[in-house]
Amino acid sequence: MRDLEQTIRERAYHLWVADGCRDGKAEAHWLAAQHEVLASVLQSPASSTPSMLKRVAKTTAKKSRVA
């Protein structure tokens, strides 16, 4: 799987476009994208899950510091 943060960023962008490119909902789009990506990671083979979860923790911590 590509870099987790990039995957979430791209999914958030697609959600933003689908929402009519309206400003002011960046956090909602990011969180929805993160939820979708995490759900797909947890459904993937167990061998990739631990490293992906570590990346998720770093990405989540980084986003919470920015907010």
N, C-alpha and C. Protein backbone atom coordinates (compact mmCIF):
# COMPACT_ATOMS: atom_id res chain seq x y z
N MET A 1 0.85 -1.19 0.00
CA MET A 1 0.00 0.00 0.00
C MET A 1 0.89 1.24 0.00
N ARG A 2 0.45 2.25 -0.73
CA ARG A 2 1.21 3.50 -0.78
C ARG A 2 1.31 4.11 0.61
N ASP A 3 2.07 5.14 0.72
CA ASP A 3 2.21 5.85 1.97
C ASP A 3 0.82 6.19 2.52
N LEU A 4 0.61 5.89 3.78
CA LEU A 4 -0.71 6.03 4.40
C LEU A 4 -1.22 7.46 4.35
N GLU A 5 -0.39 8.41 4.72
CA GLU A 5 -0.83 9.80 4.73
C GLU A 5 -1.22 10.26 3.33
N GLN A 6 -0.46 9.87 2.33
CA GLN A 6 -0.79 10.24 0.95
C GLN A 6 -2.10 9.60 0.52
N THR A 7 -2.34 8.37 0.91
CA THR A 7 -3.59 7.69 0.58
C THR A 7 -4.77 8.42 1.20
N ILE A 8 -4.63 8.80 2.47
CA ILE A 8 -5.70 9.54 3.15
C ILE A 8 -5.90 10.90 2.48
N ARG A 9 -4.81 11.57 2.17
CA ARG A 9 -4.90 12.89 1.51
C ARG A 9 -5.66 12.79 0.19
N GLU A 10 -5.34 11.80 -0.61
CA GLU A 10 -6.01 11.65 -1.90
C GLU A 10 -7.49 11.33 -1.72
N ARG A 11 -7.81 10.47 -0.74
CA ARG A 11 -9.22 10.15 -0.50
C ARG A 11 -9.97 11.37 0.02
N ALA A 12 -9.35 12.16 0.89
CA ALA A 12 -9.98 13.39 1.39
C ALA A 12 -10.24 14.35 0.24
N TYR A 13 -9.31 14.44 -0.69
CA TYR A 13 -9.50 15.30 -1.86
C TYR A 13 -10.71 14.85 -2.66
N HIS A 14 -10.82 13.54 -2.89
CA HIS A 14 -11.97 13.04 -3.65
C HIS A 14 -13.29 13.28 -2.91
N LEU A 15 -13.27 13.17 -1.61
CA LEU A 15 -14.47 13.48 -0.83
C LEU A 15 -14.81 14.96 -0.94
N TRP A 16 -13.80 15.82 -0.92
CA TRP A 16 -14.01 17.26 -1.07
C TRP A 16 -14.63 17.58 -2.42
N VAL A 17 -14.11 16.97 -3.48
CA VAL A 17 -14.65 17.19 -4.83
C VAL A 17 -16.10 16.70 -4.88
N ALA A 18 -16.35 15.52 -4.32
CA ALA A 18 -17.71 14.97 -4.32
C ALA A 18 -18.67 15.86 -3.52
N ASP A 19 -18.15 16.61 -2.58
CA ASP A 19 -18.96 17.50 -1.74
C ASP A 19 -19.12 18.88 -2.38
N GLY A 20 -18.69 19.05 -3.60
CA GLY A 20 -18.86 20.31 -4.30
C GLY A 20 -17.74 21.30 -4.09
N CYS A 21 -16.59 20.84 -3.64
CA CYS A 21 -15.41 21.70 -3.44
C CYS A 21 -15.68 22.85 -2.47
N ARG A 22 -16.54 22.62 -1.49
CA ARG A 22 -16.85 23.67 -0.53
C ARG A 22 -15.75 23.79 0.51
N ASP A 23 -15.41 25.03 0.84
CA ASP A 23 -14.40 25.30 1.86
C ASP A 23 -14.98 25.10 3.25
N GLY A 24 -14.08 24.93 4.22
CA GLY A 24 -14.48 24.85 5.62
C GLY A 24 -14.79 23.46 6.14
N LYS A 25 -14.59 22.44 5.33
CA LYS A 25 -14.88 21.08 5.76
C LYS A 25 -13.66 20.17 5.64
N ALA A 26 -12.49 20.77 5.64
CA ALA A 26 -11.27 19.98 5.44
C ALA A 26 -11.11 18.91 6.51
N GLU A 27 -11.35 19.27 7.76
CA GLU A 27 -11.19 18.29 8.83
C GLU A 27 -12.19 17.15 8.71
N ALA A 28 -13.42 17.46 8.35
CA ALA A 28 -14.44 16.42 8.18
C ALA A 28 -14.07 15.48 7.04
N HIS A 29 -13.56 16.05 5.95
CA HIS A 29 -13.15 15.22 4.82
C HIS A 29 -11.94 14.35 5.21
N TRP A 30 -11.00 14.94 5.93
CA TRP A 30 -9.82 14.18 6.36
C TRP A 30 -10.22 13.02 7.26
N LEU A 31 -11.08 13.29 8.24
CA LEU A 31 -11.48 12.24 9.17
C LEU A 31 -12.28 11.14 8.48
N ALA A 32 -13.15 11.51 7.55
CA ALA A 32 -13.91 10.51 6.80
C ALA A 32 -12.96 9.65 5.96
N ALA A 33 -12.00 10.30 5.32
CA ALA A 33 -11.03 9.57 4.51
C ALA A 33 -10.19 8.65 5.38
N GLN A 34 -9.76 9.16 6.52
CA GLN A 34 -8.97 8.35 7.44
C GLN A 34 -9.75 7.12 7.90
N HIS A 35 -11.01 7.32 8.20
CA HIS A 35 -11.87 6.20 8.62
C HIS A 35 -11.96 5.15 7.52
N GLU A 36 -12.19 5.58 6.29
CA GLU A 36 -12.29 4.65 5.17
C GLU A 36 -10.99 3.88 4.96
N VAL A 37 -9.88 4.61 4.98
CA VAL A 37 -8.59 3.98 4.74
C VAL A 37 -8.26 2.99 5.87
N LEU A 38 -8.51 3.40 7.11
CA LEU A 38 -8.25 2.50 8.23
C LEU A 38 -9.11 1.25 8.15
N ALA A 39 -10.36 1.40 7.76
CA ALA A 39 -11.24 0.24 7.63
C ALA A 39 -10.68 -0.72 6.59
N SER A 40 -10.17 -0.18 5.48
CA SER A 40 -9.61 -1.06 4.45
C SER A 40 -8.32 -1.72 4.92
N VAL A 41 -7.52 -1.00 5.72
CA VAL A 41 -6.28 -1.57 6.26
C VAL A 41 -6.60 -2.73 7.20
N LEU A 42 -7.59 -2.53 8.04
CA LEU A 42 -7.94 -3.57 9.00
C LEU A 42 -8.53 -4.80 8.33
N GLN A 43 -9.03 -4.66 7.12
CA GLN A 43 -9.56 -5.80 6.38
C GLN A 43 -8.50 -6.47 5.52
N SER A 44 -7.30 -5.86 5.44
CA SER A 44 -6.23 -6.41 4.63
C SER A 44 -5.56 -7.56 5.39
N PRO A 45 -4.68 -8.29 4.71
CA PRO A 45 -3.99 -9.40 5.37
C PRO A 45 -3.26 -8.95 6.64
N ALA A 46 -3.23 -9.80 7.63
CA ALA A 46 -2.67 -9.48 8.94
C ALA A 46 -1.20 -9.08 8.89
N SER A 47 -0.47 -9.56 7.91
CA SER A 47 0.96 -9.25 7.86
C SER A 47 1.24 -7.77 7.65
N SER A 48 0.36 -7.05 6.99
CA SER A 48 0.61 -5.63 6.74
C SER A 48 0.00 -4.75 7.83
N THR A 49 -0.88 -5.28 8.66
CA THR A 49 -1.61 -4.46 9.62
C THR A 49 -0.72 -3.79 10.67
N PRO A 50 0.22 -4.45 11.35
CA PRO A 50 0.99 -3.77 12.39
C PRO A 50 1.75 -2.54 11.90
N SER A 51 2.43 -2.64 10.78
CA SER A 51 3.18 -1.48 10.29
C SER A 51 2.25 -0.37 9.85
N MET A 52 1.13 -0.72 9.28
CA MET A 52 0.16 0.29 8.87
C MET A 52 -0.43 0.99 10.08
N LEU A 53 -0.69 0.27 11.14
CA LEU A 53 -1.26 0.88 12.34
C LEU A 53 -0.27 1.85 12.97
N LYS A 54 1.03 1.56 12.91
CA LYS A 54 2.03 2.49 13.42
C LYS A 54 2.00 3.78 12.61
N ARG A 55 1.88 3.67 11.30
CA ARG A 55 1.81 4.86 10.46
C ARG A 55 0.54 5.65 10.74
N VAL A 56 -0.55 4.95 10.99
CA VAL A 56 -1.81 5.62 11.31
C VAL A 56 -1.67 6.42 12.60
N ALA A 57 -1.04 5.84 13.60
CA ALA A 57 -0.85 6.52 14.87
C ALA A 57 -0.03 7.79 14.67
N LYS A 58 1.02 7.73 13.88
CA LYS A 58 1.84 8.91 13.62
C LYS A 58 1.04 9.98 12.87
N THR A 59 0.26 9.56 11.86
CA THR A 59 -0.53 10.50 11.08
C THR A 59 -1.60 11.17 11.95
N THR A 60 -2.24 10.38 12.79
CA THR A 60 -3.28 10.93 13.67
C THR A 60 -2.68 11.91 14.65
N ALA A 61 -1.54 11.58 15.21
CA ALA A 61 -0.89 12.49 16.17
C ALA A 61 -0.49 13.78 15.47
N LYS A 62 0.02 13.68 14.26
CA LYS A 62 0.44 14.85 13.52
C LYS A 62 -0.77 15.75 13.23
N LYS A 63 -1.88 15.17 12.81
CA LYS A 63 -3.07 15.97 12.51
C LYS A 63 -3.64 16.61 13.76
N SER A 64 -3.59 15.95 14.91
CA SER A 64 -4.15 16.52 16.13
C SER A 64 -3.29 17.68 16.64
N ARG A 65 -1.99 17.64 16.37
CA ARG A 65 -1.12 18.76 16.77
C ARG A 65 -1.38 19.99 15.91
N VAL A 66 -1.72 19.78 14.63
CA VAL A 66 -1.97 20.88 13.73
C VAL A 66 -3.27 21.57 14.07
N ALA A 67 -4.27 20.82 14.49
CA ALA A 67 -5.61 21.39 14.77
C ALA A 67 -5.62 22.26 15.98
